[in-house]
Amino acid sequence: MPDKVYDSPKGWVAQHINDYVKSNGKKGHIWRGVPTLFLTTRGRKTGNLRRTALIYGRNGASYVVVGSVGGAAHHPNWYLNLTADSNVEVQVGSEVMPGLARTADESERQRLLAADG
């Protein structure tokens, strides 16, 4: 039996995930004019699967997300989880795929952020 997936405890994120899941990605992939994906990580403390919705960009065949917590001085939990276990699951629209996450190095980060603006 597959592991239970725990969705973000933030109310609006959980609702977004619920809409996305129920519609198989038809409702919620584009959120407020921007594309969103699901990132599922394994909790570094609990071992539970944790799913959150994130705005994403593309770099070739790769998906790019920014771990900013709205500019806070600390990393989001999902980022801390993927630094402990880089095996992730990504859902974009109806497509679900395994992935291997990594942190962009400084030169990549500058290039990716410049390409976005």
PDB file of N, CA and C in Angstrom:
ATOM      1  N   MET A   1       0.847  -1.186   0.000  1.00  0.00           N
ATOM      2  CA  MET A   1       0.000   0.000   0.000  1.00  0.00           C
ATOM      3  C   MET A   1       0.887   1.242   0.000  1.00  0.00           C
ATOM      4  N   PRO A   2       0.610   2.221  -0.879  1.00  0.00           N
ATOM      5  CA  PRO A   2       1.437   3.429  -0.928  1.00  0.00           C
ATOM      6  C   PRO A   2       1.291   4.258   0.348  1.00  0.00           C
ATOM      7  N   ASP A   3       2.335   5.046   0.626  1.00  0.00           N
ATOM      8  CA  ASP A   3       2.310   5.931   1.789  1.00  0.00           C
ATOM      9  C   ASP A   3       1.221   6.982   1.646  1.00  0.00           C
ATOM     10  N   LYS A   4       0.626   7.362   2.764  1.00  0.00           N
ATOM     11  CA  LYS A   4      -0.334   8.462   2.779  1.00  0.00           C
ATOM     12  C   LYS A   4       0.433   9.750   2.514  1.00  0.00           C
ATOM     13  N   VAL A   5      -0.173  10.639   1.733  1.00  0.00           N
ATOM     14  CA  VAL A   5       0.423  11.932   1.432  1.00  0.00           C
ATOM     15  C   VAL A   5      -0.307  12.987   2.252  1.00  0.00           C
ATOM     16  N   TYR A   6       0.452  13.798   2.958  1.00  0.00           N
ATOM     17  CA  TYR A   6      -0.104  14.881   3.766  1.00  0.00           C
ATOM     18  C   TYR A   6       0.058  16.187   3.009  1.00  0.00           C
ATOM     19  N   ASP A   7      -1.076  16.870   2.800  1.00  0.00           N
ATOM     20  CA  ASP A   7      -1.049  18.144   2.085  1.00  0.00           C
ATOM     21  C   ASP A   7      -0.674  19.284   3.016  1.00  0.00           C
ATOM     22  N   SER A   8      -0.261  20.372   2.426  1.00  0.00           N
ATOM     23  CA  SER A   8       0.105  21.559   3.189  1.00  0.00           C
ATOM     24  C   SER A   8      -0.998  21.894   4.193  1.00  0.00           C
ATOM     25  N   PRO A   9      -0.628  22.248   5.423  1.00  0.00           N
ATOM     26  CA  PRO A   9      -1.636  22.612   6.423  1.00  0.00           C
ATOM     27  C   PRO A   9      -2.192  24.025   6.231  1.00  0.00           C
ATOM     28  N   LYS A  10      -1.592  24.808   5.335  1.00  0.00           N
ATOM     29  CA  LYS A  10      -2.103  26.158   5.087  1.00  0.00           C
ATOM     30  C   LYS A  10      -3.415  26.045   4.325  1.00  0.00           C
ATOM     31  N   GLY A  11      -4.472  26.669   4.851  1.00  0.00           N
ATOM     32  CA  GLY A  11      -5.815  26.528   4.306  1.00  0.00           C
ATOM     33  C   GLY A  11      -5.936  26.781   2.818  1.00  0.00           C
ATOM     34  N   TRP A  12      -5.412  27.906   2.336  1.00  0.00           N
ATOM     35  CA  TRP A  12      -5.569  28.234   0.914  1.00  0.00           C
ATOM     36  C   TRP A  12      -4.746  27.301   0.036  1.00  0.00           C
ATOM     37  N   VAL A  13      -3.595  26.838   0.525  1.00  0.00           N
ATOM     38  CA  VAL A  13      -2.788  25.894  -0.254  1.00  0.00           C
ATOM     39  C   VAL A  13      -3.498  24.538  -0.305  1.00  0.00           C
ATOM     40  N   ALA A  14      -4.033  24.103   0.831  1.00  0.00           N
ATOM     41  CA  ALA A  14      -4.765  22.830   0.871  1.00  0.00           C
ATOM     42  C   ALA A  14      -5.966  22.862  -0.071  1.00  0.00           C
ATOM     43  N   GLN A  15      -6.673  23.989  -0.134  1.00  0.00           N
ATOM     44  CA  GLN A  15      -7.818  24.112  -1.040  1.00  0.00           C
ATOM     45  C   GLN A  15      -7.360  24.061  -2.491  1.00  0.00           C
ATOM     46  N   HIS A  16      -6.266  24.737  -2.793  1.00  0.00           N
ATOM     47  CA  HIS A  16      -5.698  24.715  -4.145  1.00  0.00           C
ATOM     48  C   HIS A  16      -5.350  23.270  -4.527  1.00  0.00           C
ATOM     49  N   ILE A  17      -4.683  22.546  -3.618  1.00  0.00           N
ATOM     50  CA  ILE A  17      -4.324  21.152  -3.879  1.00  0.00           C
ATOM     51  C   ILE A  17      -5.577  20.310  -4.099  1.00  0.00           C
ATOM     52  N   ASN A  18      -6.587  20.493  -3.261  1.00  0.00           N
ATOM     53  CA  ASN A  18      -7.832  19.741  -3.394  1.00  0.00           C
ATOM     54  C   ASN A  18      -8.464  19.960  -4.769  1.00  0.00           C
ATOM     55  N   ASP A  19      -8.558  21.212  -5.201  1.00  0.00           N
ATOM     56  CA  ASP A  19      -9.133  21.517  -6.517  1.00  0.00           C
ATOM     57  C   ASP A  19      -8.308  20.886  -7.641  1.00  0.00           C
ATOM     58  N   TYR A  20      -7.009  20.979  -7.538  1.00  0.00           N
ATOM     59  CA  TYR A  20      -6.081  20.444  -8.539  1.00  0.00           C
ATOM     60  C   TYR A  20      -6.240  18.931  -8.641  1.00  0.00           C
ATOM     61  N   VAL A  21      -6.252  18.260  -7.491  1.00  0.00           N
ATOM     62  CA  VAL A  21      -6.360  16.789  -7.463  1.00  0.00           C
ATOM     63  C   VAL A  21      -7.705  16.345  -8.026  1.00  0.00           C
ATOM     64  N   LYS A  22      -8.800  16.952  -7.553  1.00  0.00           N
ATOM     65  CA  LYS A  22     -10.139  16.537  -8.000  1.00  0.00           C
ATOM     66  C   LYS A  22     -10.342  16.707  -9.498  1.00  0.00           C
ATOM     67  N   SER A  23      -9.683  17.712 -10.087  1.00  0.00           N
ATOM     68  CA  SER A  23      -9.853  17.971 -11.515  1.00  0.00           C
ATOM     69  C   SER A  23      -8.731  17.369 -12.361  1.00  0.00           C
ATOM     70  N   ASN A  24      -7.843  16.590 -11.723  1.00  0.00           N
ATOM     71  CA  ASN A  24      -6.686  16.000 -12.405  1.00  0.00           C
ATOM     72  C   ASN A  24      -5.845  17.070 -13.099  1.00  0.00           C
ATOM     73  N   GLY A  25      -5.686  18.195 -12.420  1.00  0.00           N
ATOM     74  CA  GLY A  25      -4.823  19.262 -12.923  1.00  0.00           C
ATOM     75  C   GLY A  25      -5.490  20.265 -13.840  1.00  0.00           C
ATOM     76  N   LYS A  26      -6.767  20.061 -14.180  1.00  0.00           N
ATOM     77  CA  LYS A  26      -7.449  21.007 -15.068  1.00  0.00           C
ATOM     78  C   LYS A  26      -7.770  22.307 -14.347  1.00  0.00           C
ATOM     79  N   LYS A  27      -8.122  22.215 -13.061  1.00  0.00           N
ATOM     80  CA  LYS A  27      -8.415  23.399 -12.268  1.00  0.00           C
ATOM     81  C   LYS A  27      -7.271  23.574 -11.274  1.00  0.00           C
ATOM     82  N   GLY A  28      -6.576  24.656 -11.364  1.00  0.00           N
ATOM     83  CA  GLY A  28      -5.509  24.913 -10.416  1.00  0.00           C
ATOM     84  C   GLY A  28      -4.117  24.911 -11.009  1.00  0.00           C
ATOM     85  N   HIS A  29      -3.933  24.285 -12.201  1.00  0.00           N
ATOM     86  CA  HIS A  29      -2.594  24.330 -12.787  1.00  0.00           C
ATOM     87  C   HIS A  29      -2.190  25.784 -13.027  1.00  0.00           C
ATOM     88  N   ILE A  30      -3.089  26.553 -13.593  1.00  0.00           N
ATOM     89  CA  ILE A  30      -2.846  27.994 -13.711  1.00  0.00           C
ATOM     90  C   ILE A  30      -3.571  28.652 -12.550  1.00  0.00           C
ATOM     91  N   TRP A  31      -2.808  29.288 -11.676  1.00  0.00           N
ATOM     92  CA  TRP A  31      -3.333  29.913 -10.465  1.00  0.00           C
ATOM     93  C   TRP A  31      -2.935  31.380 -10.471  1.00  0.00           C
ATOM     94  N   ARG A  32      -3.938  32.247 -10.483  1.00  0.00           N
ATOM     95  CA  ARG A  32      -3.701  33.696 -10.530  1.00  0.00           C
ATOM     96  C   ARG A  32      -2.768  34.089 -11.676  1.00  0.00           C
ATOM     97  N   GLY A  33      -2.931  33.384 -12.790  1.00  0.00           N
ATOM     98  CA  GLY A  33      -2.181  33.697 -14.004  1.00  0.00           C
ATOM     99  C   GLY A  33      -0.812  33.056 -14.119  1.00  0.00           C
ATOM    100  N   VAL A  34      -0.405  32.245 -13.145  1.00  0.00           N
ATOM    101  CA  VAL A  34       0.912  31.608 -13.196  1.00  0.00           C
ATOM    102  C   VAL A  34       0.778  30.094 -13.061  1.00  0.00           C
ATOM    103  N   PRO A  35       1.696  29.335 -13.666  1.00  0.00           N
ATOM    104  CA  PRO A  35       1.610  27.874 -13.578  1.00  0.00           C
ATOM    105  C   PRO A  35       2.073  27.372 -12.214  1.00  0.00           C
ATOM    106  N   THR A  36       1.385  26.344 -11.732  1.00  0.00           N
ATOM    107  CA  THR A  36       1.756  25.733 -10.456  1.00  0.00           C
ATOM    108  C   THR A  36       1.927  24.227 -10.622  1.00  0.00           C
ATOM    109  N   LEU A  37       2.759  23.681  -9.791  1.00  0.00           N
ATOM    110  CA  LEU A  37       2.972  22.239  -9.747  1.00  0.00           C
ATOM    111  C   LEU A  37       2.859  21.776  -8.305  1.00  0.00           C
ATOM    112  N   PHE A  38       2.759  20.470  -8.141  1.00  0.00           N
ATOM    113  CA  PHE A  38       2.833  19.870  -6.810  1.00  0.00           C
ATOM    114  C   PHE A  38       4.227  19.316  -6.636  1.00  0.00           C
ATOM    115  N   LEU A  39       4.774  19.542  -5.482  1.00  0.00           N
ATOM    116  CA  LEU A  39       6.043  18.934  -5.103  1.00  0.00           C
ATOM    117  C   LEU A  39       5.783  18.089  -3.868  1.00  0.00           C
ATOM    118  N   THR A  40       6.103  16.800  -3.962  1.00  0.00           N
ATOM    119  CA  THR A  40       5.955  15.900  -2.818  1.00  0.00           C
ATOM    120  C   THR A  40       7.336  15.489  -2.356  1.00  0.00           C
ATOM    121  N   THR A  41       7.612  15.761  -1.076  1.00  0.00           N
ATOM    122  CA  THR A  41       8.893  15.432  -0.462  1.00  0.00           C
ATOM    123  C   THR A  41       8.646  14.486   0.703  1.00  0.00           C
ATOM    124  N   ARG A  42       9.701  13.860   1.177  1.00  0.00           N
ATOM    125  CA  ARG A  42       9.603  13.022   2.375  1.00  0.00           C
ATOM    126  C   ARG A  42      10.069  13.848   3.563  1.00  0.00           C
ATOM    127  N   GLY A  43       9.216  13.929   4.582  1.00  0.00           N
ATOM    128  CA  GLY A  43       9.539  14.720   5.768  1.00  0.00           C
ATOM    129  C   GLY A  43      10.835  14.260   6.415  1.00  0.00           C
ATOM    130  N   ARG A  44      11.732  15.183   6.668  1.00  0.00           N
ATOM    131  CA  ARG A  44      13.040  14.841   7.222  1.00  0.00           C
ATOM    132  C   ARG A  44      12.958  14.370   8.668  1.00  0.00           C
ATOM    133  N   LYS A  45      11.899  14.753   9.392  1.00  0.00           N
ATOM    134  CA  LYS A  45      11.739  14.341  10.785  1.00  0.00           C
ATOM    135  C   LYS A  45      10.773  13.160  10.918  1.00  0.00           C
ATOM    136  N   THR A  46       9.649  13.219  10.183  1.00  0.00           N
ATOM    137  CA  THR A  46       8.594  12.208  10.341  1.00  0.00           C
ATOM    138  C   THR A  46       8.693  11.060   9.352  1.00  0.00           C
ATOM    139  N   GLY A  47       9.310  11.308   8.201  1.00  0.00           N
ATOM    140  CA  GLY A  47       9.328  10.303   7.141  1.00  0.00           C
ATOM    141  C   GLY A  47       8.045  10.274   6.332  1.00  0.00           C
ATOM    142  N   ASN A  48       7.074  11.134   6.678  1.00  0.00           N
ATOM    143  CA  ASN A  48       5.807  11.199   5.950  1.00  0.00           C
ATOM    144  C   ASN A  48       5.985  11.937   4.631  1.00  0.00           C
ATOM    145  N   LEU A  49       5.167  11.569   3.647  1.00  0.00           N
ATOM    146  CA  LEU A  49       5.164  12.292   2.381  1.00  0.00           C
ATOM    147  C   LEU A  49       4.395  13.593   2.565  1.00  0.00           C
ATOM    148  N   ARG A  50       4.982  14.695   2.114  1.00  0.00           N
ATOM    149  CA  ARG A  50       4.403  16.031   2.250  1.00  0.00           C
ATOM    150  C   ARG A  50       4.257  16.652   0.863  1.00  0.00           C
ATOM    151  N   ARG A  51       3.038  17.152   0.578  1.00  0.00           N
ATOM    152  CA  ARG A  51       2.757  17.731  -0.742  1.00  0.00           C
ATOM    153  C   ARG A  51       2.400  19.196  -0.592  1.00  0.00           C
ATOM    154  N   THR A  52       2.984  20.013  -1.473  1.00  0.00           N
ATOM    155  CA  THR A  52       2.641  21.426  -1.507  1.00  0.00           C
ATOM    156  C   THR A  52       2.549  21.888  -2.951  1.00  0.00           C
ATOM    157  N   ALA A  53       1.853  22.986  -3.159  1.00  0.00           N
ATOM    158  CA  ALA A  53       1.715  23.586  -4.487  1.00  0.00           C
ATOM    159  C   ALA A  53       2.683  24.756  -4.580  1.00  0.00           C
ATOM    160  N   LEU A  54       3.398  24.820  -5.700  1.00  0.00           N
ATOM    161  CA  LEU A  54       4.396  25.870  -5.893  1.00  0.00           C
ATOM    162  C   LEU A  54       4.297  26.451  -7.295  1.00  0.00           C
ATOM    163  N   ILE A  55       4.562  27.719  -7.409  1.00  0.00           N
ATOM    164  CA  ILE A  55       4.707  28.365  -8.717  1.00  0.00           C
ATOM    165  C   ILE A  55       6.025  27.870  -9.301  1.00  0.00           C
ATOM    166  N   TYR A  56       6.037  27.618 -10.607  1.00  0.00           N
ATOM    167  CA  TYR A  56       7.258  27.107 -11.212  1.00  0.00           C
ATOM    168  C   TYR A  56       7.595  27.815 -12.507  1.00  0.00           C
ATOM    169  N   GLY A  57       8.847  27.665 -12.900  1.00  0.00           N
ATOM    170  CA  GLY A  57       9.346  28.089 -14.196  1.00  0.00           C
ATOM    171  C   GLY A  57      10.013  26.881 -14.841  1.00  0.00           C
ATOM    172  N   ARG A  58      10.523  27.088 -16.040  1.00  0.00           N
ATOM    173  CA  ARG A  58      11.207  26.004 -16.759  1.00  0.00           C
ATOM    174  C   ARG A  58      12.615  26.439 -17.116  1.00  0.00           C
ATOM    175  N   ASN A  59      13.501  25.476 -17.130  1.00  0.00           N
ATOM    176  CA  ASN A  59      14.859  25.647 -17.627  1.00  0.00           C
ATOM    177  C   ASN A  59      15.140  24.413 -18.468  1.00  0.00           C
ATOM    178  N   GLY A  60      14.880  24.515 -19.751  1.00  0.00           N
ATOM    179  CA  GLY A  60      14.959  23.343 -20.610  1.00  0.00           C
ATOM    180  C   GLY A  60      13.902  22.354 -20.182  1.00  0.00           C
ATOM    181  N   ALA A  61      14.308  21.118 -19.919  1.00  0.00           N
ATOM    182  CA  ALA A  61      13.372  20.070 -19.500  1.00  0.00           C
ATOM    183  C   ALA A  61      13.141  20.076 -17.990  1.00  0.00           C
ATOM    184  N   SER A  62      13.849  20.923 -17.269  1.00  0.00           N
ATOM    185  CA  SER A  62      13.758  20.945 -15.805  1.00  0.00           C
ATOM    186  C   SER A  62      12.714  21.936 -15.311  1.00  0.00           C
ATOM    187  N   TYR A  63      12.138  21.613 -14.172  1.00  0.00           N
ATOM    188  CA  TYR A  63      11.225  22.509 -13.478  1.00  0.00           C
ATOM    189  C   TYR A  63      12.019  23.268 -12.422  1.00  0.00           C
ATOM    190  N   VAL A  64      11.721  24.557 -12.279  1.00  0.00           N
ATOM    191  CA  VAL A  64      12.451  25.402 -11.342  1.00  0.00           C
ATOM    192  C   VAL A  64      11.456  26.023 -10.371  1.00  0.00           C
ATOM    193  N   VAL A  65      11.727  25.864  -9.069  1.00  0.00           N
ATOM    194  CA  VAL A  65      10.917  26.495  -8.026  1.00  0.00           C
ATOM    195  C   VAL A  65      11.857  27.293  -7.132  1.00  0.00           C
ATOM    196  N   VAL A  66      11.306  28.300  -6.478  1.00  0.00           N
ATOM    197  CA  VAL A  66      12.096  29.146  -5.589  1.00  0.00           C
ATOM    198  C   VAL A  66      11.598  28.948  -4.165  1.00  0.00           C
ATOM    199  N   GLY A  67      12.510  28.648  -3.262  1.00  0.00           N
ATOM    200  CA  GLY A  67      12.168  28.430  -1.859  1.00  0.00           C
ATOM    201  C   GLY A  67      12.334  29.697  -1.057  1.00  0.00           C
ATOM    202  N   SER A  68      11.320  30.564  -1.086  1.00  0.00           N
ATOM    203  CA  SER A  68      11.495  31.878  -0.475  1.00  0.00           C
ATOM    204  C   SER A  68      10.644  32.143   0.765  1.00  0.00           C
ATOM    205  N   VAL A  69       9.579  31.427   0.983  1.00  0.00           N
ATOM    206  CA  VAL A  69       8.629  31.708   2.071  1.00  0.00           C
ATOM    207  C   VAL A  69       8.295  33.197   2.076  1.00  0.00           C
ATOM    208  N   GLY A  70       8.013  33.723   0.898  1.00  0.00           N
ATOM    209  CA  GLY A  70       7.637  35.134   0.794  1.00  0.00           C
ATOM    210  C   GLY A  70       8.727  36.091   1.250  1.00  0.00           C
ATOM    211  N   GLY A  71       9.978  35.713   1.099  1.00  0.00           N
ATOM    212  CA  GLY A  71      11.083  36.585   1.477  1.00  0.00           C
ATOM    213  C   GLY A  71      11.539  36.439   2.923  1.00  0.00           C
ATOM    214  N   ALA A  72      11.040  35.432   3.630  1.00  0.00           N
ATOM    215  CA  ALA A  72      11.427  35.211   5.029  1.00  0.00           C
ATOM    216  C   ALA A  72      12.916  34.851   5.124  1.00  0.00           C
ATOM    217  N   ALA A  73      13.461  34.974   6.303  1.00  0.00           N
ATOM    218  CA  ALA A  73      14.882  34.690   6.536  1.00  0.00           C
ATOM    219  C   ALA A  73      15.175  33.194   6.666  1.00  0.00           C
ATOM    220  N   HIS A  74      14.143  32.355   6.644  1.00  0.00           N
ATOM    221  CA  HIS A  74      14.336  30.909   6.788  1.00  0.00           C
ATOM    222  C   HIS A  74      13.813  30.179   5.557  1.00  0.00           C
ATOM    223  N   HIS A  75      14.298  28.966   5.376  1.00  0.00           N
ATOM    224  CA  HIS A  75      13.871  28.137   4.246  1.00  0.00           C
ATOM    225  C   HIS A  75      12.512  27.511   4.529  1.00  0.00           C
ATOM    226  N   PRO A  76      11.722  27.250   3.473  1.00  0.00           N
ATOM    227  CA  PRO A  76      10.459  26.525   3.670  1.00  0.00           C
ATOM    228  C   PRO A  76      10.743  25.077   4.054  1.00  0.00           C
ATOM    229  N   ASN A  77       9.796  24.459   4.740  1.00  0.00           N
ATOM    230  CA  ASN A  77       9.963  23.062   5.165  1.00  0.00           C
ATOM    231  C   ASN A  77      10.193  22.126   3.985  1.00  0.00           C
ATOM    232  N   TRP A  78       9.502  22.357   2.876  1.00  0.00           N
ATOM    233  CA  TRP A  78       9.679  21.464   1.734  1.00  0.00           C
ATOM    234  C   TRP A  78      11.122  21.499   1.232  1.00  0.00           C
ATOM    235  N   TYR A  79      11.761  22.656   1.297  1.00  0.00           N
ATOM    236  CA  TYR A  79      13.162  22.758   0.866  1.00  0.00           C
ATOM    237  C   TYR A  79      14.071  21.990   1.834  1.00  0.00           C
ATOM    238  N   LEU A  80      13.833  22.164   3.120  1.00  0.00           N
ATOM    239  CA  LEU A  80      14.621  21.421   4.113  1.00  0.00           C
ATOM    240  C   LEU A  80      14.434  19.917   3.926  1.00  0.00           C
ATOM    241  N   ASN A  81      13.212  19.507   3.589  1.00  0.00           N
ATOM    242  CA  ASN A  81      12.954  18.087   3.338  1.00  0.00           C
ATOM    243  C   ASN A  81      13.757  17.581   2.140  1.00  0.00           C
ATOM    244  N   LEU A  82      13.780  18.334   1.063  1.00  0.00           N
ATOM    245  CA  LEU A  82      14.470  17.821  -0.123  1.00  0.00           C
ATOM    246  C   LEU A  82      15.983  17.887   0.014  1.00  0.00           C
ATOM    247  N   THR A  83      16.495  18.718   0.923  1.00  0.00           N
ATOM    248  CA  THR A  83      17.942  18.674   1.164  1.00  0.00           C
ATOM    249  C   THR A  83      18.315  17.415   1.944  1.00  0.00           C
ATOM    250  N   ALA A  84      17.366  16.853   2.695  1.00  0.00           N
ATOM    251  CA  ALA A  84      17.598  15.604   3.427  1.00  0.00           C
ATOM    252  C   ALA A  84      17.380  14.388   2.527  1.00  0.00           C
ATOM    253  N   ASP A  85      16.454  14.489   1.576  1.00  0.00           N
ATOM    254  CA  ASP A  85      16.155  13.402   0.640  1.00  0.00           C
ATOM    255  C   ASP A  85      15.747  14.045  -0.674  1.00  0.00           C
ATOM    256  N   SER A  86      16.616  13.970  -1.666  1.00  0.00           N
ATOM    257  CA  SER A  86      16.384  14.681  -2.926  1.00  0.00           C
ATOM    258  C   SER A  86      15.422  13.973  -3.866  1.00  0.00           C
ATOM    259  N   ASN A  87      14.958  12.778  -3.505  1.00  0.00           N
ATOM    260  CA  ASN A  87      13.960  12.083  -4.317  1.00  0.00           C
ATOM    261  C   ASN A  87      12.600  12.720  -4.073  1.00  0.00           C
ATOM    262  N   VAL A  88      11.979  13.207  -5.133  1.00  0.00           N
ATOM    263  CA  VAL A  88      10.704  13.897  -5.029  1.00  0.00           C
ATOM    264  C   VAL A  88       9.737  13.341  -6.065  1.00  0.00           C
ATOM    265  N   GLU A  89       8.478  13.734  -5.921  1.00  0.00           N
ATOM    266  CA  GLU A  89       7.483  13.487  -6.958  1.00  0.00           C
ATOM    267  C   GLU A  89       6.953  14.846  -7.367  1.00  0.00           C
ATOM    268  N   VAL A  90       6.781  15.028  -8.655  1.00  0.00           N
ATOM    269  CA  VAL A  90       6.291  16.286  -9.202  1.00  0.00           C
ATOM    270  C   VAL A  90       5.041  15.992 -10.004  1.00  0.00           C
ATOM    271  N   GLN A  91       4.021  16.828  -9.837  1.00  0.00           N
ATOM    272  CA  GLN A  91       2.833  16.736 -10.681  1.00  0.00           C
ATOM    273  C   GLN A  91       2.642  18.078 -11.359  1.00  0.00           C
ATOM    274  N   VAL A  92       2.548  18.031 -12.689  1.00  0.00           N
ATOM    275  CA  VAL A  92       2.275  19.212 -13.497  1.00  0.00           C
ATOM    276  C   VAL A  92       1.048  18.894 -14.328  1.00  0.00           C
ATOM    277  N   GLY A  93      -0.053  19.590 -14.058  1.00  0.00           N
ATOM    278  CA  GLY A  93      -1.312  19.245 -14.704  1.00  0.00           C
ATOM    279  C   GLY A  93      -1.683  17.829 -14.294  1.00  0.00           C
ATOM    280  N   SER A  94      -1.918  16.968 -15.277  1.00  0.00           N
ATOM    281  CA  SER A  94      -2.270  15.581 -14.968  1.00  0.00           C
ATOM    282  C   SER A  94      -1.051  14.658 -14.956  1.00  0.00           C
ATOM    283  N   GLU A  95       0.101  15.168 -15.336  1.00  0.00           N
ATOM    284  CA  GLU A  95       1.312  14.342 -15.414  1.00  0.00           C
ATOM    285  C   GLU A  95       2.027  14.264 -14.062  1.00  0.00           C
ATOM    286  N   VAL A  96       2.253  13.051 -13.598  1.00  0.00           N
ATOM    287  CA  VAL A  96       2.964  12.806 -12.336  1.00  0.00           C
ATOM    288  C   VAL A  96       4.261  12.087 -12.672  1.00  0.00           C
ATOM    289  N   MET A  97       5.373  12.578 -12.118  1.00  0.00           N
ATOM    290  CA  MET A  97       6.672  11.990 -12.437  1.00  0.00           C
ATOM    291  C   MET A  97       7.603  12.023 -11.237  1.00  0.00           C
ATOM    292  N   PRO A  98       8.494  11.046 -11.141  1.00  0.00           N
ATOM    293  CA  PRO A  98       9.516  11.102 -10.098  1.00  0.00           C
ATOM    294  C   PRO A  98      10.565  12.119 -10.507  1.00  0.00           C
ATOM    295  N   GLY A  99      11.260  12.665  -9.526  1.00  0.00           N
ATOM    296  CA  GLY A  99      12.307  13.628  -9.827  1.00  0.00           C
ATOM    297  C   GLY A  99      13.423  13.561  -8.809  1.00  0.00           C
ATOM    298  N   LEU A 100      14.497  14.214  -9.145  1.00  0.00           N
ATOM    299  CA  LEU A 100      15.637  14.335  -8.265  1.00  0.00           C
ATOM    300  C   LEU A 100      15.914  15.824  -8.130  1.00  0.00           C
ATOM    301  N   ALA A 101      15.699  16.358  -6.945  1.00  0.00           N
ATOM    302  CA  ALA A 101      15.831  17.792  -6.717  1.00  0.00           C
ATOM    303  C   ALA A 101      17.272  18.154  -6.380  1.00  0.00           C
ATOM    304  N   ARG A 102      17.633  19.372  -6.718  1.00  0.00           N
ATOM    305  CA  ARG A 102      18.935  19.881  -6.319  1.00  0.00           C
ATOM    306  C   ARG A 102      18.851  21.393  -6.215  1.00  0.00           C
ATOM    307  N   THR A 103      19.752  21.955  -5.450  1.00  0.00           N
ATOM    308  CA  THR A 103      19.826  23.396  -5.283  1.00  0.00           C
ATOM    309  C   THR A 103      20.729  23.954  -6.370  1.00  0.00           C
ATOM    310  N   ALA A 104      20.261  25.012  -7.019  1.00  0.00           N
ATOM    311  CA  ALA A 104      21.076  25.670  -8.037  1.00  0.00           C
ATOM    312  C   ALA A 104      22.287  26.319  -7.381  1.00  0.00           C
ATOM    313  N   ASP A 105      23.444  26.228  -8.065  1.00  0.00           N
ATOM    314  CA  ASP A 105      24.605  26.929  -7.533  1.00  0.00           C
ATOM    315  C   ASP A 105      24.441  28.432  -7.799  1.00  0.00           C
ATOM    316  N   GLU A 106      25.317  29.230  -7.251  1.00  0.00           N
ATOM    317  CA  GLU A 106      25.154  30.691  -7.309  1.00  0.00           C
ATOM    318  C   GLU A 106      25.066  31.227  -8.735  1.00  0.00           C
ATOM    319  N   SER A 107      25.912  30.743  -9.655  1.00  0.00           N
ATOM    320  CA  SER A 107      25.863  31.246 -11.032  1.00  0.00           C
ATOM    321  C   SER A 107      24.555  30.839 -11.708  1.00  0.00           C
ATOM    322  N   GLU A 108      24.083  29.606 -11.462  1.00  0.00           N
ATOM    323  CA  GLU A 108      22.792  29.173 -12.006  1.00  0.00           C
ATOM    324  C   GLU A 108      21.666  30.031 -11.445  1.00  0.00           C
ATOM    325  N   ARG A 109      21.707  30.265 -10.150  1.00  0.00           N
ATOM    326  CA  ARG A 109      20.651  31.038  -9.475  1.00  0.00           C
ATOM    327  C   ARG A 109      20.552  32.432 -10.092  1.00  0.00           C
ATOM    328  N   GLN A 110      21.681  33.072 -10.280  1.00  0.00           N
ATOM    329  CA  GLN A 110      21.665  34.424 -10.876  1.00  0.00           C
ATOM    330  C   GLN A 110      21.102  34.385 -12.294  1.00  0.00           C
ATOM    331  N   ARG A 111      21.504  33.397 -13.081  1.00  0.00           N
ATOM    332  CA  ARG A 111      20.992  33.269 -14.456  1.00  0.00           C
ATOM    333  C   ARG A 111      19.505  32.981 -14.469  1.00  0.00           C
ATOM    334  N   LEU A 112      19.050  32.044 -13.624  1.00  0.00           N
ATOM    335  CA  LEU A 112      17.631  31.678 -13.593  1.00  0.00           C
ATOM    336  C   LEU A 112      16.757  32.836 -13.118  1.00  0.00           C
ATOM    337  N   LEU A 113      17.195  33.547 -12.114  1.00  0.00           N
ATOM    338  CA  LEU A 113      16.410  34.679 -11.621  1.00  0.00           C
ATOM    339  C   LEU A 113      16.399  35.834 -12.611  1.00  0.00           C
ATOM    340  N   ALA A 114      17.502  36.044 -13.317  1.00  0.00           N
ATOM    341  CA  ALA A 114      17.555  37.110 -14.337  1.00  0.00           C
ATOM    342  C   ALA A 114      16.634  36.771 -15.502  1.00  0.00           C
ATOM    343  N   ALA A 115      16.559  35.487 -15.863  1.00  0.00           N
ATOM    344  CA  ALA A 115      15.696  35.051 -16.967  1.00  0.00           C
ATOM    345  C   ALA A 115      14.232  35.235 -16.626  1.00  0.00           C
ATOM    346  N   ASP A 116      13.902  35.201 -15.337  1.00  0.00           N
ATOM    347  CA  ASP A 116      12.522  35.334 -14.905  1.00  0.00           C
ATOM    348  C   ASP A 116      12.032  36.770 -14.971  1.00  0.00           C
ATOM    349  N   GLY A 117      12.904  37.710 -14.752  1.00  0.00           N
ATOM    350  CA  GLY A 117      12.480  39.107 -14.668  1.00  0.00           C
ATOM    351  C   GLY A 117      12.591  39.793 -15.959  1.00  0.00           C
TER     352      GLY A 117
END
